[in-house]
Protein backbone atom coordinates (compact mmCIF):
# COMPACT_ATOMS: atom_id res chain seq x y z
CA MET A 1 22.74 18.49 -28.76
CA LYS A 2 19.92 15.99 -29.15
CA LYS A 3 16.39 17.11 -28.37
CA PHE A 4 14.18 14.47 -26.83
CA ARG A 5 10.94 13.92 -28.71
CA VAL A 6 8.08 13.93 -26.20
CA GLY A 7 4.43 12.90 -26.49
CA VAL A 8 1.75 13.63 -23.89
CA ILE A 9 -1.40 11.51 -23.54
CA GLY A 10 -4.35 13.21 -21.87
CA LEU A 11 -4.79 16.98 -21.86
CA GLY A 12 -6.48 17.55 -18.54
CA MET A 13 -3.62 17.14 -16.06
CA GLY A 14 -1.47 16.65 -19.14
CA GLN A 15 -1.40 20.39 -19.73
CA ALA A 16 0.96 20.73 -16.78
CA HIS A 17 3.08 17.94 -18.26
CA VAL A 18 3.38 19.81 -21.57
CA LYS A 19 4.43 23.00 -19.77
CA GLY A 20 6.94 21.09 -17.68
CA PHE A 21 8.59 19.44 -20.66
CA GLN A 22 8.62 22.68 -22.63
CA SER A 23 10.60 24.29 -19.79
CA HIS A 24 13.60 22.06 -20.65
CA PRO A 25 15.71 23.30 -23.57
CA GLN A 26 16.40 19.77 -24.78
CA ALA A 27 12.82 18.52 -24.73
CA GLU A 28 10.39 19.08 -27.59
CA VAL A 29 6.74 18.12 -27.22
CA VAL A 30 6.05 17.01 -30.77
CA ALA A 31 2.69 15.30 -30.27
CA VAL A 32 -0.32 15.14 -27.94
CA ALA A 33 -3.26 12.77 -27.71
CA ASP A 34 -6.75 13.10 -26.27
CA ILE A 35 -10.06 11.44 -27.13
CA ASP A 36 -11.84 14.82 -26.92
CA LYS A 37 -11.37 16.36 -30.39
CA VAL A 38 -12.29 19.88 -29.27
CA LYS A 39 -9.95 19.82 -26.29
CA LEU A 40 -7.20 18.31 -28.44
CA ALA A 41 -7.41 21.09 -31.02
CA GLU A 42 -7.63 23.89 -28.47
CA ARG A 43 -4.77 22.68 -26.27
CA ALA A 44 -2.51 21.78 -29.20
CA ASP A 45 -3.08 25.27 -30.61
CA ASP A 46 -2.31 26.84 -27.22
CA PHE A 47 1.01 25.02 -26.98
CA GLY A 48 1.92 25.15 -30.67
CA ILE A 49 2.06 21.36 -31.13
CA ALA A 50 1.65 19.94 -34.62
CA GLY A 51 1.16 16.24 -33.85
CA ARG A 52 -2.44 15.64 -32.77
CA TYR A 53 -4.08 12.28 -32.17
CA THR A 54 -7.40 11.05 -30.82
CA ASN A 55 -5.84 7.58 -30.57
CA ALA A 56 -2.73 7.42 -28.38
CA LEU A 57 -1.60 4.14 -29.95
CA ASP A 58 -1.47 5.85 -33.34
CA MET A 59 0.76 8.52 -31.81
CA LEU A 60 3.12 5.88 -30.43
CA LYS A 61 3.34 4.15 -33.81
CA LYS A 62 3.93 7.24 -35.93
CA GLU A 63 5.93 9.80 -33.93
CA ASN A 64 9.20 8.00 -33.06
CA LEU A 65 9.09 9.34 -29.50
CA ASP A 66 11.79 9.19 -26.84
CA VAL A 67 9.57 10.03 -23.86
CA VAL A 68 5.85 9.60 -23.23
CA SER A 69 3.86 11.24 -20.47
CA ILE A 70 0.59 9.57 -19.42
CA ALA A 71 -2.09 11.74 -17.78
CA THR A 72 -5.28 9.77 -18.36
CA PRO A 73 -7.89 8.20 -16.07
CA ASN A 74 -6.17 5.61 -13.89
CA LYS A 75 -7.64 2.63 -15.76
CA PHE A 76 -5.48 3.39 -18.78
CA HIS A 77 -2.13 3.92 -17.02
CA LYS A 78 -1.00 0.32 -17.32
CA PRO A 79 -1.96 -0.46 -20.93
CA LEU A 80 -0.60 2.85 -22.23
CA THR A 81 2.63 2.45 -20.25
CA LEU A 82 3.15 -1.04 -21.67
CA ALA A 83 2.45 0.24 -25.18
CA ALA A 84 4.93 3.08 -24.69
CA PHE A 85 7.66 0.68 -23.57
CA LYS A 86 6.93 -1.48 -26.60
CA ALA A 87 7.41 1.64 -28.74
CA GLY A 88 10.85 2.19 -27.14
CA CYS A 89 9.93 5.14 -24.90
CA HIS A 90 10.73 6.20 -21.37
CA VAL A 91 7.52 6.84 -19.39
CA LEU A 92 6.42 9.48 -16.93
CA CYS A 93 3.05 8.35 -15.52
CA GLU A 94 0.60 10.38 -13.46
CA LYS A 95 -0.21 9.22 -9.97
CA PRO A 96 -1.54 6.80 -8.90
CA MET A 97 0.77 4.48 -10.76
CA ALA A 98 -2.05 2.06 -11.61
CA MET A 99 -5.43 0.71 -10.50
CA ASN A 100 -3.78 -1.69 -8.06
CA ALA A 101 -0.46 -3.19 -7.02
CA ARG A 102 -0.72 -6.10 -9.46
CA GLU A 103 -0.88 -3.69 -12.41
CA ALA A 104 1.91 -1.58 -10.92
CA GLY A 105 4.10 -4.66 -10.66
CA GLN A 106 3.47 -5.50 -14.31
CA MET A 107 4.47 -1.96 -15.30
CA LEU A 108 7.64 -2.21 -13.25
CA GLU A 109 8.59 -5.53 -14.83
CA ALA A 110 7.89 -4.16 -18.31
CA SER A 111 10.17 -1.21 -17.56
CA LYS A 112 13.01 -3.55 -16.61
CA LYS A 113 12.44 -5.76 -19.65
CA ALA A 114 12.40 -2.79 -22.03
CA LYS A 115 15.36 -1.19 -20.23
CA LYS A 116 13.43 2.08 -20.14
CA ARG A 117 12.76 4.45 -17.27
CA LEU A 118 9.46 4.61 -15.37
CA MET A 119 8.79 7.64 -13.19
CA ILE A 120 5.60 8.50 -11.29
CA ASN A 121 4.44 12.11 -11.05
CA PHE A 122 4.28 12.47 -7.26
CA SER A 123 4.03 16.21 -7.79
CA PHE A 124 4.12 17.28 -4.13
CA ARG A 125 7.80 16.32 -4.04
CA PHE A 126 8.63 18.79 -6.79
CA THR A 127 8.28 22.06 -4.91
CA ASP A 128 10.98 24.32 -3.54
CA GLN A 129 9.75 23.78 0.01
CA SER A 130 9.55 19.99 -0.23
CA TYR A 131 13.09 19.83 -1.62
CA ALA A 132 14.32 21.98 1.28
CA LEU A 133 12.57 19.70 3.79
CA LYS A 134 14.05 16.62 2.14
CA GLN A 135 17.53 18.10 2.45
CA ALA A 136 16.84 18.71 6.14
CA THR A 137 15.62 15.17 6.81
CA ASP A 138 18.50 13.66 4.82
CA SER A 139 20.91 15.64 7.00
CA GLY A 140 19.67 13.66 10.01
CA ILE A 141 18.25 16.64 11.89
CA LEU A 142 15.18 14.66 12.98
CA GLY A 143 17.12 11.68 14.27
CA ASP A 144 15.08 8.46 13.92
CA VAL A 145 11.53 9.15 12.74
CA TYR A 146 9.17 6.96 14.77
CA PHE A 147 5.75 8.50 14.09
CA ALA A 148 4.17 10.48 11.26
CA ARG A 149 0.75 11.73 10.26
CA THR A 150 -0.19 12.84 6.77
CA VAL A 151 -3.62 14.12 5.73
CA TRP A 152 -5.59 15.74 2.94
CA HIS A 153 -9.16 16.61 3.85
CA ARG A 154 -11.81 18.44 1.86
CA ARG A 155 -15.12 19.58 3.27
CA ARG A 156 -16.98 19.20 -0.05
CA GLY A 157 -14.28 18.75 -2.64
CA ILE A 158 -15.61 15.91 -4.79
CA PRO A 159 -14.32 16.15 -8.38
CA GLY A 160 -16.95 17.73 -10.63
CA PHE A 161 -18.95 18.92 -7.59
CA ASN A 162 -19.50 22.67 -7.53
CA GLY A 163 -22.07 24.89 -5.87
CA GLY A 164 -23.64 21.97 -4.04
CA LYS A 165 -24.20 19.98 -7.25
CA PHE A 166 -22.37 17.55 -9.47
CA GLY A 167 -21.59 18.79 -12.96
CA GLU A 168 -24.49 18.68 -15.39
CA ALA A 169 -22.48 16.65 -17.90
CA GLU A 170 -22.20 13.01 -16.87
CA GLY A 171 -18.53 12.97 -17.85
CA MET A 172 -17.57 16.10 -15.91
CA GLY A 173 -15.12 14.79 -13.34
CA SER A 174 -17.24 11.67 -13.01
CA TRP A 175 -14.49 9.16 -13.81
CA PHE A 176 -12.91 9.99 -10.45
CA TYR A 177 -15.80 8.39 -8.57
CA GLN A 178 -16.32 5.43 -10.90
CA LYS A 179 -14.28 2.61 -9.37
CA GLU A 180 -13.89 0.81 -12.69
CA LEU A 181 -12.05 3.87 -14.05
CA SER A 182 -10.27 5.21 -10.96
CA GLY A 183 -9.66 2.21 -8.70
CA GLY A 184 -10.84 4.19 -5.65
CA GLY A 185 -11.81 7.55 -4.26
CA PRO A 186 -9.92 10.19 -2.26
CA LEU A 187 -7.44 7.63 -0.93
CA ILE A 188 -6.10 6.88 -4.40
CA ASP A 189 -6.62 10.46 -5.62
CA LEU A 190 -5.51 12.72 -2.74
CA GLY A 191 -4.08 10.37 -0.13
CA VAL A 192 -1.53 9.02 -2.61
CA HIS A 193 0.13 12.47 -2.71
CA ARG A 194 0.48 12.92 1.04
CA LEU A 195 1.43 9.26 1.51
CA ASP A 196 4.31 9.53 -0.94
CA LEU A 197 5.49 12.82 0.57
CA ALA A 198 5.61 11.32 4.07
CA LEU A 199 7.32 8.13 2.87
CA TRP A 200 9.85 10.17 0.88
CA LEU A 201 10.73 12.32 3.90
CA MET A 202 10.97 9.13 5.99
CA ASN A 203 13.28 7.58 3.34
CA TYR A 204 10.70 4.98 2.32
CA PRO A 205 10.75 2.52 5.25
CA LYS A 206 9.46 -0.98 4.52
CA PRO A 207 5.74 -1.37 5.41
CA VAL A 208 4.73 -4.62 7.12
CA TRP A 209 1.04 -4.24 7.98
CA VAL A 210 -1.89 -1.87 7.60
CA MET A 211 -5.15 -1.25 9.44
CA GLY A 212 -7.55 0.79 7.34
CA SER A 213 -11.16 1.96 7.12
CA THR A 214 -13.19 3.58 4.36
CA TYR A 215 -16.56 5.32 4.61
CA ASP A 216 -19.15 6.80 2.28
CA HIS A 217 -21.79 8.70 4.22
CA ILE A 218 -21.95 11.96 2.26
CA ALA A 219 -20.94 11.80 -1.40
CA SER A 220 -23.11 8.90 -2.57
CA ARG A 221 -26.11 10.46 -0.83
CA LEU A 222 -25.52 13.71 -2.72
CA ALA A 223 -25.15 11.84 -6.03
CA LYS A 224 -28.30 9.78 -5.37
CA LYS A 225 -30.27 12.92 -4.55
CA GLN A 226 -29.50 14.27 -8.03
CA LYS A 227 -30.64 10.97 -9.62
CA ARG A 228 -27.49 10.69 -11.70
CA LYS A 229 -27.16 7.85 -14.20
CA GLN A 230 -23.60 7.22 -13.07
CA LYS A 231 -23.49 5.88 -9.53
CA TYR A 232 -20.94 7.02 -6.96
CA THR A 233 -18.99 3.79 -6.33
CA VAL A 234 -15.98 4.79 -4.22
CA GLU A 235 -15.30 5.99 -0.67
CA ASP A 236 -15.53 9.64 0.34
CA ILE A 237 -13.07 9.25 3.24
CA ALA A 238 -10.32 6.78 4.09
CA VAL A 239 -8.12 6.45 7.17
CA ALA A 240 -5.29 4.07 7.94
CA MET A 241 -2.47 3.16 10.28
CA ILE A 242 0.66 1.83 8.59
CA LYS A 243 3.33 -0.02 10.55
CA PHE A 244 6.90 -0.32 9.26
CA GLU A 245 9.63 -2.89 9.73
CA ASN A 246 11.78 -0.36 11.63
CA GLY A 247 8.99 0.12 14.19
CA ALA A 248 7.76 3.48 12.90
CA THR A 249 4.06 4.24 12.47
CA LEU A 250 2.30 6.44 9.90
CA GLU A 251 -1.30 7.64 10.07
CA LEU A 252 -2.94 8.53 6.76
CA GLU A 253 -6.25 10.34 6.20
CA ALA A 254 -7.88 11.48 2.95
CA SER A 255 -11.37 12.77 2.19
CA TRP A 256 -13.40 14.45 -0.54
CA ALA A 257 -16.35 15.04 1.76
CA ALA A 258 -16.13 15.39 5.54
CA ASN A 259 -17.81 17.56 8.13
CA THR A 260 -14.74 19.58 9.03
CA LYS A 261 -14.00 23.31 9.27
CA LYS A 262 -11.63 23.95 6.38
CA ASN A 263 -12.56 23.47 2.75
CA GLU A 264 -9.02 22.22 2.03
CA GLU A 265 -6.61 20.94 4.66
CA MET A 266 -3.22 19.38 3.93
CA GLU A 267 -0.60 18.52 6.52
CA THR A 268 2.35 16.15 6.84
CA ARG A 269 3.95 15.84 10.27
CA LEU A 270 6.98 13.79 11.34
CA PHE A 271 8.15 13.10 14.90
CA GLY A 272 11.80 12.13 15.34
CA THR A 273 14.03 11.35 18.30
CA ASP A 274 15.88 14.67 17.86
CA ALA A 275 13.33 16.96 16.19
CA GLY A 276 9.91 17.16 14.60
CA LEU A 277 8.74 18.58 11.27
CA VAL A 278 5.48 19.85 9.85
CA GLN A 279 4.39 21.04 6.42
CA ARG A 280 0.83 22.41 6.12
CA ASN A 281 -1.19 24.54 3.78
CA ILE A 282 -1.83 28.13 4.76
CA GLY A 283 -5.50 28.96 5.08
CA GLU A 284 -7.39 26.88 2.54
CA GLY A 285 -5.13 27.28 -0.49
CA TYR A 286 -2.11 25.61 -2.01
CA ASP A 287 0.52 27.79 -0.33
CA PHE A 288 2.44 25.96 2.36
CA GLU A 289 4.44 26.72 5.48
CA ALA A 290 7.00 24.47 7.12
CA GLU A 291 8.58 24.32 10.57
CA ILE A 292 11.06 22.16 12.46
CA TYR A 293 10.84 21.79 16.25
CA LEU A 294 13.93 20.81 18.22
CA GLU A 295 15.77 21.02 21.54
CA ARG A 296 19.22 22.53 22.02
CA GLU A 297 21.05 22.73 25.36
CA GLY A 298 17.82 22.12 27.25
CA CYS A 299 15.88 24.79 25.34
CA GLN A 300 13.04 24.30 22.86
CA TYR A 301 13.41 25.98 19.46
CA ASP A 302 11.05 26.45 16.52
CA MET A 303 12.70 26.81 13.10
CA LYS A 304 10.50 28.23 10.36
CA LEU A 305 11.44 27.83 6.72
CA HIS A 306 11.32 31.19 4.97
CA PRO A 307 11.44 31.81 1.22
CA PRO A 308 13.30 32.20 -0.90
CA VAL A 309 14.77 28.70 -0.89
CA PRO A 310 16.72 27.04 -3.71
CA ALA A 311 14.47 26.41 -6.69
CA ALA A 312 13.36 22.85 -7.38
CA GLN A 313 13.04 21.33 -10.83
CA ASN A 314 9.56 20.37 -11.97
CA ALA A 315 8.98 16.65 -12.48
CA MET A 316 9.18 16.78 -16.27
CA PHE A 317 12.38 18.85 -16.31
CA HIS A 318 13.91 16.46 -13.76
CA PHE A 319 12.96 13.41 -15.84
CA ILE A 320 14.54 14.80 -19.01
CA GLU A 321 17.64 15.93 -17.13
CA SER A 322 18.05 12.50 -15.52
CA ILE A 323 17.82 10.78 -18.90
CA ARG A 324 20.18 13.28 -20.51
CA GLU A 325 22.81 12.91 -17.78
CA ASN A 326 22.20 9.17 -17.32
CA LYS A 327 21.57 9.67 -13.61
CA PRO A 328 18.93 8.07 -11.34
CA HIS A 329 15.60 9.88 -11.20
CA THR A 330 13.38 10.30 -8.15
CA ALA A 331 9.77 9.07 -7.79
CA THR A 332 10.70 5.71 -9.25
CA GLY A 333 8.44 2.94 -10.42
CA ARG A 334 9.58 0.90 -7.43
CA GLU A 335 8.38 3.60 -5.03
CA GLY A 336 5.13 3.84 -6.97
CA HIS A 337 4.71 0.09 -6.56
CA VAL A 338 5.23 0.33 -2.79
CA VAL A 339 2.58 3.07 -2.60
CA MET A 340 0.13 0.89 -4.56
CA GLN A 341 0.79 -2.06 -2.24
CA ILE A 342 -0.05 0.13 0.75
CA LEU A 343 -3.22 1.46 -0.90
CA ASP A 344 -4.33 -2.07 -1.81
CA ALA A 345 -3.74 -3.16 1.79
CA ILE A 346 -5.82 -0.25 3.12
CA TYR A 347 -8.76 -1.14 0.88
CA ALA A 348 -8.40 -4.83 1.77
CA SER A 349 -8.24 -4.05 5.50
CA ALA A 350 -11.34 -1.86 5.25
CA LYS A 351 -13.22 -4.67 3.49
CA LYS A 352 -12.10 -7.32 6.01
CA ASN A 353 -12.37 -5.00 9.02
CA ALA A 354 -9.03 -6.42 10.15
CA PRO A 355 -5.28 -5.69 9.78
CA VAL A 356 -3.60 -6.78 6.55
CA ARG A 357 0.05 -7.76 6.18
CA ILE A 358 2.16 -6.46 3.31
CA LYS A 359 4.78 -8.65 1.68
CA LEU A 360 7.17 -6.62 -0.45
């Protein structure tokens, strides 16, 4: 049977993409691209990949690829996606989909024009626990979800910031807090994950308006204290209230630097007419627990999800399998576009200090 020829652009987060594709028996990662020559050689050696390029466009021209995975700084998501479609490839793009909703819309239109798939790597969907929770919500156990809250807070979790200092190298994680490269701070980096997870569990209701705020009282002060050449130009915390056409409300919070107890706190909570649901990280790590709270015959019950649960496919495996079987894939470009419209509205609301309407 045909093996899909895969290329991966960017070998930071892209390492996970390579591993994910290599887990599928009908996917072969034949080429990788990264502007860092040392990283390119080391990672290509680690994964046994022959095709190596410092210029991603050269890879697209020469390798006759079926699928391209894009894991670069956010600024390059749109141009590389458009180039991949022009080269006849399906695209799996890292989150966030783009720098803003306008770019995301252009990517979506290019996908339709090329008749190629566009999937966004909303990785928090692709866990065993998240799949189990999605099955529960799709079963209708919660009833009508009318309120949700989704957060990701870090006490001092700025990219490239360790031991109370930013990395010595100017490039070490610094693109994350350069707005011209990232499009924003923790909202577009962390909040995008928890936002998509909540929307997915809520079955992506249509947003109609947003009230948002952003603040930068900690991170820029730390960067300025070190007299770095590269300025800190994004927020270090963002909060928002999102109202949906069906009347539901979602609160979103995301921070890289906040005076809170835990170093890492993630939680997504849904309230429904028949039951409630919560998923939260245990302690300060990336292990999660999940519970459902409901009433039966006048009694209150707590249902805790215990492993093992049915295994979920990773995003790359799922993408290849969907293409192979000609079935719809999850985490679509359309959903990525909705997320970008919400993020844009939050930033616009924060700037205006007023609610902003969303027109999908």
